[in-house]
Amino acid sequence: MKQLAVGMQATAQRVFDDDLIAEYAALCGDQPGEAVPEPLIGALFSYLLGVDLPGSGSVYLKQDLTFVGVAQIGELLTATVTITHIRTDKPLVTLQTRCTGADDRLIADGEAIVMVPG
């Protein structure tokens, strides 16, 4: 596990195209909509927290996420997690979670709490 510090960031970018949205809708037993479903945006944060920051072995304890914009299908989305607090008495890290659209408009904003190994 890497040494963690307040201010550290990790970013992932993804385009959800029509085929991916149709596949997601089929898995959910739903019809594809005109926007990227919010759970797919939330999955970007799950990916970052488990793979990049804090990384492997982390346990995702809590996520508060507010959707303030609509992500369009085919749009480049950027998900960013930033460490805002590290507990010294327990292996807990708090991170800001933000997703922006292609024009830097805010799509989702929130906070996650992750338990880190060791």
PDB file of N, CA and C in Angstrom:
ATOM      1  N   MET A   1       0.853  -1.185   0.000  1.00  0.00           N
ATOM      2  CA  MET A   1       0.000   0.000   0.000  1.00  0.00           C
ATOM      3  C   MET A   1       0.887   1.232   0.000  1.00  0.00           C
ATOM      4  N   LYS A   2       0.576   2.161  -0.867  1.00  0.00           N
ATOM      5  CA  LYS A   2       1.364   3.395  -0.954  1.00  0.00           C
ATOM      6  C   LYS A   2       1.111   4.297   0.250  1.00  0.00           C
ATOM      7  N   GLN A   3       2.058   5.158   0.539  1.00  0.00           N
ATOM      8  CA  GLN A   3       1.916   6.135   1.615  1.00  0.00           C
ATOM      9  C   GLN A   3       0.862   7.152   1.195  1.00  0.00           C
ATOM     10  N   LEU A   4      -0.159   7.332   2.014  1.00  0.00           N
ATOM     11  CA  LEU A   4      -1.259   8.237   1.679  1.00  0.00           C
ATOM     12  C   LEU A   4      -1.043   9.593   2.328  1.00  0.00           C
ATOM     13  N   ALA A   5      -1.519  10.644   1.644  1.00  0.00           N
ATOM     14  CA  ALA A   5      -1.418  12.003   2.167  1.00  0.00           C
ATOM     15  C   ALA A   5      -2.631  12.802   1.713  1.00  0.00           C
ATOM     16  N   VAL A   6      -3.050  13.733   2.554  1.00  0.00           N
ATOM     17  CA  VAL A   6      -4.133  14.639   2.186  1.00  0.00           C
ATOM     18  C   VAL A   6      -3.736  15.375   0.909  1.00  0.00           C
ATOM     19  N   GLY A   7      -4.680  15.473  -0.006  1.00  0.00           N
ATOM     20  CA  GLY A   7      -4.447  16.150  -1.271  1.00  0.00           C
ATOM     21  C   GLY A   7      -4.147  15.214  -2.430  1.00  0.00           C
ATOM     22  N   MET A   8      -3.786  13.965  -2.134  1.00  0.00           N
ATOM     23  CA  MET A   8      -3.527  13.006  -3.218  1.00  0.00           C
ATOM     24  C   MET A   8      -4.804  12.809  -4.035  1.00  0.00           C
ATOM     25  N   GLN A   9      -4.620  12.654  -5.355  1.00  0.00           N
ATOM     26  CA  GLN A   9      -5.751  12.493  -6.267  1.00  0.00           C
ATOM     27  C   GLN A   9      -5.538  11.321  -7.206  1.00  0.00           C
ATOM     28  N   ALA A  10      -6.663  10.791  -7.676  1.00  0.00           N
ATOM     29  CA  ALA A  10      -6.655   9.812  -8.756  1.00  0.00           C
ATOM     30  C   ALA A  10      -7.832  10.159  -9.672  1.00  0.00           C
ATOM     31  N   THR A  11      -7.626   9.941 -10.964  1.00  0.00           N
ATOM     32  CA  THR A  11      -8.636  10.309 -11.954  1.00  0.00           C
ATOM     33  C   THR A  11      -8.822   9.167 -12.943  1.00  0.00           C
ATOM     34  N   ALA A  12     -10.068   8.995 -13.377  1.00  0.00           N
ATOM     35  CA  ALA A  12     -10.389   8.048 -14.441  1.00  0.00           C
ATOM     36  C   ALA A  12     -11.321   8.742 -15.420  1.00  0.00           C
ATOM     37  N   GLN A  13     -11.145   8.444 -16.693  1.00  0.00           N
ATOM     38  CA  GLN A  13     -12.022   8.994 -17.720  1.00  0.00           C
ATOM     39  C   GLN A  13     -12.704   7.843 -18.443  1.00  0.00           C
ATOM     40  N   ARG A  14     -13.952   8.087 -18.835  1.00  0.00           N
ATOM     41  CA  ARG A  14     -14.722   7.039 -19.496  1.00  0.00           C
ATOM     42  C   ARG A  14     -15.784   7.669 -20.363  1.00  0.00           C
ATOM     43  N   VAL A  15     -16.035   7.051 -21.500  1.00  0.00           N
ATOM     44  CA  VAL A  15     -17.151   7.401 -22.373  1.00  0.00           C
ATOM     45  C   VAL A  15     -18.104   6.216 -22.364  1.00  0.00           C
ATOM     46  N   PHE A  16     -19.341   6.445 -21.982  1.00  0.00           N
ATOM     47  CA  PHE A  16     -20.379   5.419 -22.040  1.00  0.00           C
ATOM     48  C   PHE A  16     -21.137   5.625 -23.343  1.00  0.00           C
ATOM     49  N   ASP A  17     -20.922   4.705 -24.295  1.00  0.00           N
ATOM     50  CA  ASP A  17     -21.569   4.849 -25.600  1.00  0.00           C
ATOM     51  C   ASP A  17     -22.920   4.125 -25.613  1.00  0.00           C
ATOM     52  N   ASP A  18     -23.624   4.207 -26.730  1.00  0.00           N
ATOM     53  CA  ASP A  18     -24.955   3.607 -26.848  1.00  0.00           C
ATOM     54  C   ASP A  18     -24.936   2.110 -26.561  1.00  0.00           C
ATOM     55  N   ASP A  19     -23.897   1.415 -27.028  1.00  0.00           N
ATOM     56  CA  ASP A  19     -23.821  -0.034 -26.812  1.00  0.00           C
ATOM     57  C   ASP A  19     -23.700  -0.380 -25.327  1.00  0.00           C
ATOM     58  N   LEU A  20     -22.858   0.355 -24.603  1.00  0.00           N
ATOM     59  CA  LEU A  20     -22.707   0.103 -23.167  1.00  0.00           C
ATOM     60  C   LEU A  20     -23.993   0.411 -22.398  1.00  0.00           C
ATOM     61  N   ILE A  21     -24.665   1.486 -22.785  1.00  0.00           N
ATOM     62  CA  ILE A  21     -25.916   1.844 -22.116  1.00  0.00           C
ATOM     63  C   ILE A  21     -26.977   0.786 -22.389  1.00  0.00           C
ATOM     64  N   ALA A  22     -27.042   0.274 -23.614  1.00  0.00           N
ATOM     65  CA  ALA A  22     -28.001  -0.778 -23.957  1.00  0.00           C
ATOM     66  C   ALA A  22     -27.702  -2.055 -23.175  1.00  0.00           C
ATOM     67  N   GLU A  23     -26.418  -2.393 -23.046  1.00  0.00           N
ATOM     68  CA  GLU A  23     -26.031  -3.578 -22.277  1.00  0.00           C
ATOM     69  C   GLU A  23     -26.407  -3.422 -20.811  1.00  0.00           C
ATOM     70  N   TYR A  24     -26.152  -2.253 -20.248  1.00  0.00           N
ATOM     71  CA  TYR A  24     -26.525  -1.984 -18.853  1.00  0.00           C
ATOM     72  C   TYR A  24     -28.044  -2.091 -18.674  1.00  0.00           C
ATOM     73  N   ALA A  25     -28.804  -1.498 -19.587  1.00  0.00           N
ATOM     74  CA  ALA A  25     -30.265  -1.546 -19.503  1.00  0.00           C
ATOM     75  C   ALA A  25     -30.767  -2.984 -19.571  1.00  0.00           C
ATOM     76  N   ALA A  26     -30.164  -3.796 -20.440  1.00  0.00           N
ATOM     77  CA  ALA A  26     -30.569  -5.196 -20.552  1.00  0.00           C
ATOM     78  C   ALA A  26     -30.295  -5.952 -19.246  1.00  0.00           C
ATOM     79  N   LEU A  27     -29.158  -5.676 -18.620  1.00  0.00           N
ATOM     80  CA  LEU A  27     -28.840  -6.320 -17.346  1.00  0.00           C
ATOM     81  C   LEU A  27     -29.832  -5.942 -16.252  1.00  0.00           C
ATOM     82  N   CYS A  28     -30.330  -4.717 -16.329  1.00  0.00           N
ATOM     83  CA  CYS A  28     -31.264  -4.211 -15.320  1.00  0.00           C
ATOM     84  C   CYS A  28     -32.722  -4.528 -15.659  1.00  0.00           C
ATOM     85  N   GLY A  29     -32.960  -5.057 -16.861  1.00  0.00           N
ATOM     86  CA  GLY A  29     -34.328  -5.313 -17.287  1.00  0.00           C
ATOM     87  C   GLY A  29     -35.080  -4.035 -17.589  1.00  0.00           C
ATOM     88  N   ASP A  30     -34.387  -3.054 -18.106  1.00  0.00           N
ATOM     89  CA  ASP A  30     -34.939  -1.727 -18.347  1.00  0.00           C
ATOM     90  C   ASP A  30     -34.728  -1.354 -19.811  1.00  0.00           C
ATOM     91  N   GLN A  31     -35.251  -0.228 -20.190  1.00  0.00           N
ATOM     92  CA  GLN A  31     -35.024   0.323 -21.524  1.00  0.00           C
ATOM     93  C   GLN A  31     -33.933   1.385 -21.438  1.00  0.00           C
ATOM     94  N   PRO A  32     -33.051   1.453 -22.444  1.00  0.00           N
ATOM     95  CA  PRO A  32     -32.019   2.498 -22.414  1.00  0.00           C
ATOM     96  C   PRO A  32     -32.657   3.887 -22.406  1.00  0.00           C
ATOM     97  N   GLY A  33     -32.078   4.778 -21.609  1.00  0.00           N
ATOM     98  CA  GLY A  33     -32.550   6.153 -21.560  1.00  0.00           C
ATOM     99  C   GLY A  33     -31.707   7.044 -22.443  1.00  0.00           C
ATOM    100  N   GLU A  34     -31.854   8.334 -22.243  1.00  0.00           N
ATOM    101  CA  GLU A  34     -31.115   9.308 -23.046  1.00  0.00           C
ATOM    102  C   GLU A  34     -29.885   9.845 -22.326  1.00  0.00           C
ATOM    103  N   ALA A  35     -29.656   9.373 -21.102  1.00  0.00           N
ATOM    104  CA  ALA A  35     -28.514   9.847 -20.306  1.00  0.00           C
ATOM    105  C   ALA A  35     -27.812   8.647 -19.686  1.00  0.00           C
ATOM    106  N   VAL A  36     -26.615   8.874 -19.190  1.00  0.00           N
ATOM    107  CA  VAL A  36     -25.860   7.827 -18.504  1.00  0.00           C
ATOM    108  C   VAL A  36     -26.510   7.592 -17.136  1.00  0.00           C
ATOM    109  N   PRO A  37     -26.872   6.352 -16.826  1.00  0.00           N
ATOM    110  CA  PRO A  37     -27.470   6.068 -15.516  1.00  0.00           C
ATOM    111  C   PRO A  37     -26.487   6.379 -14.377  1.00  0.00           C
ATOM    112  N   GLU A  38     -27.011   6.912 -13.291  1.00  0.00           N
ATOM    113  CA  GLU A  38     -26.184   7.308 -12.159  1.00  0.00           C
ATOM    114  C   GLU A  38     -25.348   6.161 -11.586  1.00  0.00           C
ATOM    115  N   PRO A  39     -25.864   4.908 -11.513  1.00  0.00           N
ATOM    116  CA  PRO A  39     -25.015   3.844 -10.973  1.00  0.00           C
ATOM    117  C   PRO A  39     -23.735   3.618 -11.772  1.00  0.00           C
ATOM    118  N   LEU A  40     -23.757   3.880 -13.067  1.00  0.00           N
ATOM    119  CA  LEU A  40     -22.534   3.741 -13.853  1.00  0.00           C
ATOM    120  C   LEU A  40     -21.520   4.815 -13.483  1.00  0.00           C
ATOM    121  N   ILE A  41     -22.003   6.000 -13.159  1.00  0.00           N
ATOM    122  CA  ILE A  41     -21.107   7.070 -12.709  1.00  0.00           C
ATOM    123  C   ILE A  41     -20.521   6.701 -11.341  1.00  0.00           C
ATOM    124  N   GLY A  42     -21.370   6.193 -10.452  1.00  0.00           N
ATOM    125  CA  GLY A  42     -20.891   5.747  -9.148  1.00  0.00           C
ATOM    126  C   GLY A  42     -19.845   4.652  -9.259  1.00  0.00           C
ATOM    127  N   ALA A  43     -19.975   3.804 -10.273  1.00  0.00           N
ATOM    128  CA  ALA A  43     -19.010   2.720 -10.478  1.00  0.00           C
ATOM    129  C   ALA A  43     -17.610   3.254 -10.799  1.00  0.00           C
ATOM    130  N   LEU A  44     -17.538   4.436 -11.392  1.00  0.00           N
ATOM    131  CA  LEU A  44     -16.229   5.036 -11.662  1.00  0.00           C
ATOM    132  C   LEU A  44     -15.481   5.288 -10.357  1.00  0.00           C
ATOM    133  N   PHE A  45     -16.208   5.730  -9.336  1.00  0.00           N
ATOM    134  CA  PHE A  45     -15.581   5.970  -8.033  1.00  0.00           C
ATOM    135  C   PHE A  45     -15.164   4.654  -7.380  1.00  0.00           C
ATOM    136  N   SER A  46     -16.016   3.636  -7.493  1.00  0.00           N
ATOM    137  CA  SER A  46     -15.664   2.323  -6.951  1.00  0.00           C
ATOM    138  C   SER A  46     -14.369   1.817  -7.573  1.00  0.00           C
ATOM    139  N   TYR A  47     -14.261   1.984  -8.877  1.00  0.00           N
ATOM    140  CA  TYR A  47     -13.047   1.578  -9.580  1.00  0.00           C
ATOM    141  C   TYR A  47     -11.824   2.317  -9.028  1.00  0.00           C
ATOM    142  N   LEU A  48     -11.913   3.642  -8.957  1.00  0.00           N
ATOM    143  CA  LEU A  48     -10.772   4.433  -8.491  1.00  0.00           C
ATOM    144  C   LEU A  48     -10.357   4.057  -7.067  1.00  0.00           C
ATOM    145  N   LEU A  49     -11.338   3.921  -6.179  1.00  0.00           N
ATOM    146  CA  LEU A  49     -11.026   3.633  -4.776  1.00  0.00           C
ATOM    147  C   LEU A  49     -10.422   2.244  -4.597  1.00  0.00           C
ATOM    148  N   GLY A  50     -10.865   1.284  -5.383  1.00  0.00           N
ATOM    149  CA  GLY A  50     -10.372  -0.074  -5.228  1.00  0.00           C
ATOM    150  C   GLY A  50      -9.103  -0.379  -5.990  1.00  0.00           C
ATOM    151  N   VAL A  51      -8.840   0.375  -7.054  1.00  0.00           N
ATOM    152  CA  VAL A  51      -7.695   0.075  -7.909  1.00  0.00           C
ATOM    153  C   VAL A  51      -6.564   1.086  -7.754  1.00  0.00           C
ATOM    154  N   ASP A  52      -6.909   2.350  -7.568  1.00  0.00           N
ATOM    155  CA  ASP A  52      -5.887   3.394  -7.631  1.00  0.00           C
ATOM    156  C   ASP A  52      -5.640   4.093  -6.295  1.00  0.00           C
ATOM    157  N   LEU A  53      -6.658   4.673  -5.702  1.00  0.00           N
ATOM    158  CA  LEU A  53      -6.470   5.462  -4.479  1.00  0.00           C
ATOM    159  C   LEU A  53      -7.660   5.269  -3.543  1.00  0.00           C
ATOM    160  N   PRO A  54      -7.502   4.670  -2.424  1.00  0.00           N
ATOM    161  CA  PRO A  54      -6.284   4.163  -1.823  1.00  0.00           C
ATOM    162  C   PRO A  54      -5.733   2.909  -2.515  1.00  0.00           C
ATOM    163  N   GLY A  55      -6.583   2.082  -3.127  1.00  0.00           N
ATOM    164  CA  GLY A  55      -6.076   0.952  -3.889  1.00  0.00           C
ATOM    165  C   GLY A  55      -6.513  -0.392  -3.348  1.00  0.00           C
ATOM    166  N   SER A  56      -5.839  -1.430  -3.824  1.00  0.00           N
ATOM    167  CA  SER A  56      -6.174  -2.809  -3.510  1.00  0.00           C
ATOM    168  C   SER A  56      -6.211  -3.055  -2.006  1.00  0.00           C
ATOM    169  N   GLY A  57      -7.225  -3.795  -1.581  1.00  0.00           N
ATOM    170  CA  GLY A  57      -7.389  -4.105  -0.164  1.00  0.00           C
ATOM    171  C   GLY A  57      -8.247  -3.113   0.584  1.00  0.00           C
ATOM    172  N   SER A  58      -8.583  -1.993  -0.051  1.00  0.00           N
ATOM    173  CA  SER A  58      -9.444  -0.994   0.580  1.00  0.00           C
ATOM    174  C   SER A  58     -10.869  -1.530   0.685  1.00  0.00           C
ATOM    175  N   VAL A  59     -11.566  -1.105   1.719  1.00  0.00           N
ATOM    176  CA  VAL A  59     -12.965  -1.482   1.910  1.00  0.00           C
ATOM    177  C   VAL A  59     -13.795  -0.202   1.849  1.00  0.00           C
ATOM    178  N   TYR A  60     -14.686  -0.151   0.891  1.00  0.00           N
ATOM    179  CA  TYR A  60     -15.559   0.994   0.638  1.00  0.00           C
ATOM    180  C   TYR A  60     -16.657   0.982   1.697  1.00  0.00           C
ATOM    181  N   LEU A  61     -16.625   1.896   2.657  1.00  0.00           N
ATOM    182  CA  LEU A  61     -17.572   1.889   3.761  1.00  0.00           C
ATOM    183  C   LEU A  61     -18.803   2.759   3.527  1.00  0.00           C
ATOM    184  N   LYS A  62     -18.607   3.919   2.877  1.00  0.00           N
ATOM    185  CA  LYS A  62     -19.716   4.865   2.759  1.00  0.00           C
ATOM    186  C   LYS A  62     -19.502   5.760   1.547  1.00  0.00           C
ATOM    187  N   GLN A  63     -20.599   6.106   0.889  1.00  0.00           N
ATOM    188  CA  GLN A  63     -20.549   7.060  -0.224  1.00  0.00           C
ATOM    189  C   GLN A  63     -21.778   7.954  -0.150  1.00  0.00           C
ATOM    190  N   ASP A  64     -21.558   9.247  -0.058  1.00  0.00           N
ATOM    191  CA  ASP A  64     -22.622  10.238  -0.210  1.00  0.00           C
ATOM    192  C   ASP A  64     -22.370  10.897  -1.554  1.00  0.00           C
ATOM    193  N   LEU A  65     -23.367  10.862  -2.427  1.00  0.00           N
ATOM    194  CA  LEU A  65     -23.176  11.374  -3.776  1.00  0.00           C
ATOM    195  C   LEU A  65     -24.424  12.133  -4.204  1.00  0.00           C
ATOM    196  N   THR A  66     -24.216  13.359  -4.645  1.00  0.00           N
ATOM    197  CA  THR A  66     -25.306  14.191  -5.136  1.00  0.00           C
ATOM    198  C   THR A  66     -25.115  14.422  -6.629  1.00  0.00           C
ATOM    199  N   PHE A  67     -26.147  14.108  -7.392  1.00  0.00           N
ATOM    200  CA  PHE A  67     -26.105  14.324  -8.838  1.00  0.00           C
ATOM    201  C   PHE A  67     -26.724  15.674  -9.137  1.00  0.00           C
ATOM    202  N   VAL A  68     -25.914  16.558  -9.713  1.00  0.00           N
ATOM    203  CA  VAL A  68     -26.368  17.924  -9.984  1.00  0.00           C
ATOM    204  C   VAL A  68     -26.494  18.211 -11.467  1.00  0.00           C
ATOM    205  N   GLY A  69     -26.034  17.280 -12.293  1.00  0.00           N
ATOM    206  CA  GLY A  69     -26.110  17.450 -13.739  1.00  0.00           C
ATOM    207  C   GLY A  69     -26.385  16.122 -14.402  1.00  0.00           C
ATOM    208  N   VAL A  70     -26.611  16.164 -15.699  1.00  0.00           N
ATOM    209  CA  VAL A  70     -26.907  14.961 -16.477  1.00  0.00           C
ATOM    210  C   VAL A  70     -25.702  14.637 -17.357  1.00  0.00           C
ATOM    211  N   ALA A  71     -25.278  13.389 -17.323  1.00  0.00           N
ATOM    212  CA  ALA A  71     -24.189  12.929 -18.185  1.00  0.00           C
ATOM    213  C   ALA A  71     -24.793  12.408 -19.476  1.00  0.00           C
ATOM    214  N   GLN A  72     -24.365  12.967 -20.574  1.00  0.00           N
ATOM    215  CA  GLN A  72     -24.889  12.567 -21.875  1.00  0.00           C
ATOM    216  C   GLN A  72     -24.169  11.319 -22.386  1.00  0.00           C
ATOM    217  N   ILE A  73     -24.895  10.451 -23.050  1.00  0.00           N
ATOM    218  CA  ILE A  73     -24.308   9.278 -23.674  1.00  0.00           C
ATOM    219  C   ILE A  73     -23.306   9.753 -24.728  1.00  0.00           C
ATOM    220  N   GLY A  74     -22.129   9.146 -24.720  1.00  0.00           N
ATOM    221  CA  GLY A  74     -21.080   9.515 -25.662  1.00  0.00           C
ATOM    222  C   GLY A  74     -20.175  10.642 -25.194  1.00  0.00           C
ATOM    223  N   GLU A  75     -20.455  11.180 -24.034  1.00  0.00           N
ATOM    224  CA  GLU A  75     -19.677  12.293 -23.483  1.00  0.00           C
ATOM    225  C   GLU A  75     -18.497  11.756 -22.673  1.00  0.00           C
ATOM    226  N   LEU A  76     -17.366  12.418 -22.762  1.00  0.00           N
ATOM    227  CA  LEU A  76     -16.222  12.055 -21.938  1.00  0.00           C
ATOM    228  C   LEU A  76     -16.473  12.511 -20.508  1.00  0.00           C
ATOM    229  N   LEU A  77     -16.484  11.556 -19.576  1.00  0.00           N
ATOM    230  CA  LEU A  77     -16.673  11.852 -18.158  1.00  0.00           C
ATOM    231  C   LEU A  77     -15.343  11.686 -17.438  1.00  0.00           C
ATOM    232  N   THR A  78     -15.089  12.572 -16.480  1.00  0.00           N
ATOM    233  CA  THR A  78     -13.883  12.502 -15.670  1.00  0.00           C
ATOM    234  C   THR A  78     -14.294  12.365 -14.216  1.00  0.00           C
ATOM    235  N   ALA A  79     -13.907  11.247 -13.603  1.00  0.00           N
ATOM    236  CA  ALA A  79     -14.163  11.010 -12.179  1.00  0.00           C
ATOM    237  C   ALA A  79     -12.853  11.225 -11.434  1.00  0.00           C
ATOM    238  N   THR A  80     -12.937  11.972 -10.334  1.00  0.00           N
ATOM    239  CA  THR A  80     -11.748  12.284  -9.538  1.00  0.00           C
ATOM    240  C   THR A  80     -12.039  12.013  -8.070  1.00  0.00           C
ATOM    241  N   VAL A  81     -11.099  11.357  -7.398  1.00  0.00           N
ATOM    242  CA  VAL A  81     -11.164  11.207  -5.951  1.00  0.00           C
ATOM    243  C   VAL A  81      -9.957  11.922  -5.356  1.00  0.00           C
ATOM    244  N   THR A  82     -10.192  12.652  -4.268  1.00  0.00           N
ATOM    245  CA  THR A  82      -9.140  13.421  -3.607  1.00  0.00           C
ATOM    246  C   THR A  82      -9.191  13.144  -2.118  1.00  0.00           C
ATOM    247  N   ILE A  83      -8.071  12.775  -1.538  1.00  0.00           N
ATOM    248  CA  ILE A  83      -8.028  12.542  -0.093  1.00  0.00           C
ATOM    249  C   ILE A  83      -8.178  13.883   0.630  1.00  0.00           C
ATOM    250  N   THR A  84      -9.182  13.950   1.511  1.00  0.00           N
ATOM    251  CA  THR A  84      -9.415  15.174   2.275  1.00  0.00           C
ATOM    252  C   THR A  84      -9.107  15.012   3.767  1.00  0.00           C
ATOM    253  N   HIS A  85      -9.080  13.756   4.244  1.00  0.00           N
ATOM    254  CA  HIS A  85      -8.815  13.529   5.670  1.00  0.00           C
ATOM    255  C   HIS A  85      -8.307  12.109   5.862  1.00  0.00           C
ATOM    256  N   ILE A  86      -7.328  11.973   6.737  1.00  0.00           N
ATOM    257  CA  ILE A  86      -6.807  10.667   7.119  1.00  0.00           C
ATOM    258  C   ILE A  86      -6.897  10.570   8.634  1.00  0.00           C
ATOM    259  N   ARG A  87      -7.618   9.576   9.114  1.00  0.00           N
ATOM    260  CA  ARG A  87      -7.727   9.386  10.561  1.00  0.00           C
ATOM    261  C   ARG A  87      -6.418   8.812  11.087  1.00  0.00           C
ATOM    262  N   THR A  88      -5.974   9.317  12.206  1.00  0.00           N
ATOM    263  CA  THR A  88      -4.742   8.800  12.796  1.00  0.00           C
ATOM    264  C   THR A  88      -5.024   7.697  13.813  1.00  0.00           C
ATOM    265  N   ASP A  89      -6.266   7.630  14.304  1.00  0.00           N
ATOM    266  CA  ASP A  89      -6.606   6.632  15.312  1.00  0.00           C
ATOM    267  C   ASP A  89      -7.195   5.354  14.712  1.00  0.00           C
ATOM    268  N   LYS A  90      -7.613   5.403  13.458  1.00  0.00           N
ATOM    269  CA  LYS A  90      -8.196   4.250  12.772  1.00  0.00           C
ATOM    270  C   LYS A  90      -7.748   4.290  11.314  1.00  0.00           C
ATOM    271  N   PRO A  91      -7.767   3.138  10.643  1.00  0.00           N
ATOM    272  CA  PRO A  91      -7.319   3.114   9.243  1.00  0.00           C
ATOM    273  C   PRO A  91      -8.409   3.592   8.278  1.00  0.00           C
ATOM    274  N   LEU A  92      -8.885   4.814   8.485  1.00  0.00           N
ATOM    275  CA  LEU A  92      -9.965   5.370   7.666  1.00  0.00           C
ATOM    276  C   LEU A  92      -9.486   6.593   6.901  1.00  0.00           C
ATOM    277  N   VAL A  93      -9.921   6.669   5.652  1.00  0.00           N
ATOM    278  CA  VAL A  93      -9.574   7.785   4.781  1.00  0.00           C
ATOM    279  C   VAL A  93     -10.869   8.346   4.208  1.00  0.00           C
ATOM    280  N   THR A  94     -10.987   9.673   4.200  1.00  0.00           N
ATOM    281  CA  THR A  94     -12.134  10.354   3.602  1.00  0.00           C
ATOM    282  C   THR A  94     -11.665  10.987   2.297  1.00  0.00           C
ATOM    283  N   LEU A  95     -12.489  10.834   1.259  1.00  0.00           N
ATOM    284  CA  LEU A  95     -12.143  11.368  -0.056  1.00  0.00           C
ATOM    285  C   LEU A  95     -13.310  12.139  -0.642  1.00  0.00           C
ATOM    286  N   GLN A  96     -13.003  13.245  -1.302  1.00  0.00           N
ATOM    287  CA  GLN A  96     -14.003  13.945  -2.106  1.00  0.00           C
ATOM    288  C   GLN A  96     -14.131  13.165  -3.407  1.00  0.00           C
ATOM    289  N   THR A  97     -15.364  13.015  -3.883  1.00  0.00           N
ATOM    290  CA  THR A  97     -15.612  12.325  -5.148  1.00  0.00           C
ATOM    291  C   THR A  97     -16.362  13.290  -6.065  1.00  0.00           C
ATOM    292  N   ARG A  98     -15.795  13.505  -7.265  1.00  0.00           N
ATOM    293  CA  ARG A  98     -16.411  14.444  -8.217  1.00  0.00           C
ATOM    294  C   ARG A  98     -16.378  13.849  -9.614  1.00  0.00           C
ATOM    295  N   CYS A  99     -17.452  14.084 -10.345  1.00  0.00           N
ATOM    296  CA  CYS A  99     -17.494  13.691 -11.751  1.00  0.00           C
ATOM    297  C   CYS A  99     -17.892  14.918 -12.560  1.00  0.00           C
ATOM    298  N   THR A 100     -17.123  15.178 -13.599  1.00  0.00           N
ATOM    299  CA  THR A 100     -17.417  16.305 -14.478  1.00  0.00           C
ATOM    300  C   THR A 100     -17.617  15.801 -15.903  1.00  0.00           C
ATOM    301  N   GLY A 101     -18.331  16.626 -16.673  1.00  0.00           N
ATOM    302  CA  GLY A 101     -18.577  16.308 -18.071  1.00  0.00           C
ATOM    303  C   GLY A 101     -17.507  16.885 -18.969  1.00  0.00           C
ATOM    304  N   ALA A 102     -17.715  16.709 -20.259  1.00  0.00           N
ATOM    305  CA  ALA A 102     -16.730  17.122 -21.257  1.00  0.00           C
ATOM    306  C   ALA A 102     -16.413  18.611 -21.191  1.00  0.00           C
ATOM    307  N   ASP A 103     -17.361  19.416 -20.775  1.00  0.00           N
ATOM    308  CA  ASP A 103     -17.162  20.868 -20.702  1.00  0.00           C
ATOM    309  C   ASP A 103     -16.839  21.333 -19.285  1.00  0.00           C
ATOM    310  N   ASP A 104     -16.364  20.413 -18.438  1.00  0.00           N
ATOM    311  CA  ASP A 104     -16.026  20.673 -17.031  1.00  0.00           C
ATOM    312  C   ASP A 104     -17.227  21.019 -16.154  1.00  0.00           C
ATOM    313  N   ARG A 105     -18.446  20.791 -16.658  1.00  0.00           N
ATOM    314  CA  ARG A 105     -19.599  21.043 -15.787  1.00  0.00           C
ATOM    315  C   ARG A 105     -19.719  19.915 -14.771  1.00  0.00           C
ATOM    316  N   LEU A 106     -20.161  20.260 -13.580  1.00  0.00           N
ATOM    317  CA  LEU A 106     -20.273  19.289 -12.502  1.00  0.00           C
ATOM    318  C   LEU A 106     -21.461  18.368 -12.751  1.00  0.00           C
ATOM    319  N   ILE A 107     -21.213  17.070 -12.678  1.00  0.00           N
ATOM    320  CA  ILE A 107     -22.272  16.070 -12.831  1.00  0.00           C
ATOM    321  C   ILE A 107     -22.623  15.481 -11.465  1.00  0.00           C
ATOM    322  N   ALA A 108     -21.601  15.139 -10.681  1.00  0.00           N
ATOM    323  CA  ALA A 108     -21.821  14.537  -9.366  1.00  0.00           C
ATOM    324  C   ALA A 108     -20.730  14.994  -8.406  1.00  0.00           C
ATOM    325  N   ASP A 109     -21.129  15.158  -7.150  1.00  0.00           N
ATOM    326  CA  ASP A 109     -20.209  15.603  -6.124  1.00  0.00           C
ATOM    327  C   ASP A 109     -20.538  14.859  -4.849  1.00  0.00           C
ATOM    328  N   GLY A 110     -19.515  14.431  -4.113  1.00  0.00           N
ATOM    329  CA  GLY A 110     -19.796  13.716  -2.893  1.00  0.00           C
ATOM    330  C   GLY A 110     -18.562  13.437  -2.075  1.00  0.00           C
ATOM    331  N   GLU A 111     -18.725  12.462  -1.170  1.00  0.00           N
ATOM    332  CA  GLU A 111     -17.665  12.100  -0.242  1.00  0.00           C
ATOM    333  C   GLU A 111     -17.730  10.602   0.012  1.00  0.00           C
ATOM    334  N   ALA A 112     -16.577   9.969   0.079  1.00  0.00           N
ATOM    335  CA  ALA A 112     -16.484   8.546   0.377  1.00  0.00           C
ATOM    336  C   ALA A 112     -15.595   8.333   1.595  1.00  0.00           C
ATOM    337  N   ILE A 113     -15.919   7.286   2.353  1.00  0.00           N
ATOM    338  CA  ILE A 113     -15.069   6.868   3.457  1.00  0.00           C
ATOM    339  C   ILE A 113     -14.615   5.450   3.161  1.00  0.00           C
ATOM    340  N   VAL A 114     -13.302   5.241   3.259  1.00  0.00           N
ATOM    341  CA  VAL A 114     -12.692   3.967   2.904  1.00  0.00           C
ATOM    342  C   VAL A 114     -11.799   3.501   4.053  1.00  0.00           C
ATOM    343  N   MET A 115     -11.896   2.210   4.367  1.00  0.00           N
ATOM    344  CA  MET A 115     -10.968   1.623   5.323  1.00  0.00           C
ATOM    345  C   MET A 115      -9.789   1.064   4.542  1.00  0.00           C
ATOM    346  N   VAL A 116      -8.593   1.427   4.957  1.00  0.00           N
ATOM    347  CA  VAL A 116      -7.392   0.999   4.236  1.00  0.00           C
ATOM    348  C   VAL A 116      -6.685  -0.106   5.010  1.00  0.00           C
ATOM    349  N   PRO A 117      -6.045  -1.030   4.304  1.00  0.00           N
ATOM    350  CA  PRO A 117      -5.349  -2.110   4.998  1.00  0.00           C
ATOM    351  C   PRO A 117      -4.097  -1.610   5.708  1.00  0.00           C
ATOM    352  N   GLY A 118      -3.771  -2.315   6.784  1.00  0.00           N
ATOM    353  CA  GLY A 118      -2.518  -2.086   7.505  1.00  0.00           C
ATOM    354  C   GLY A 118      -2.391  -0.728   8.053  1.00  0.00           C
TER     355      GLY A 118
END
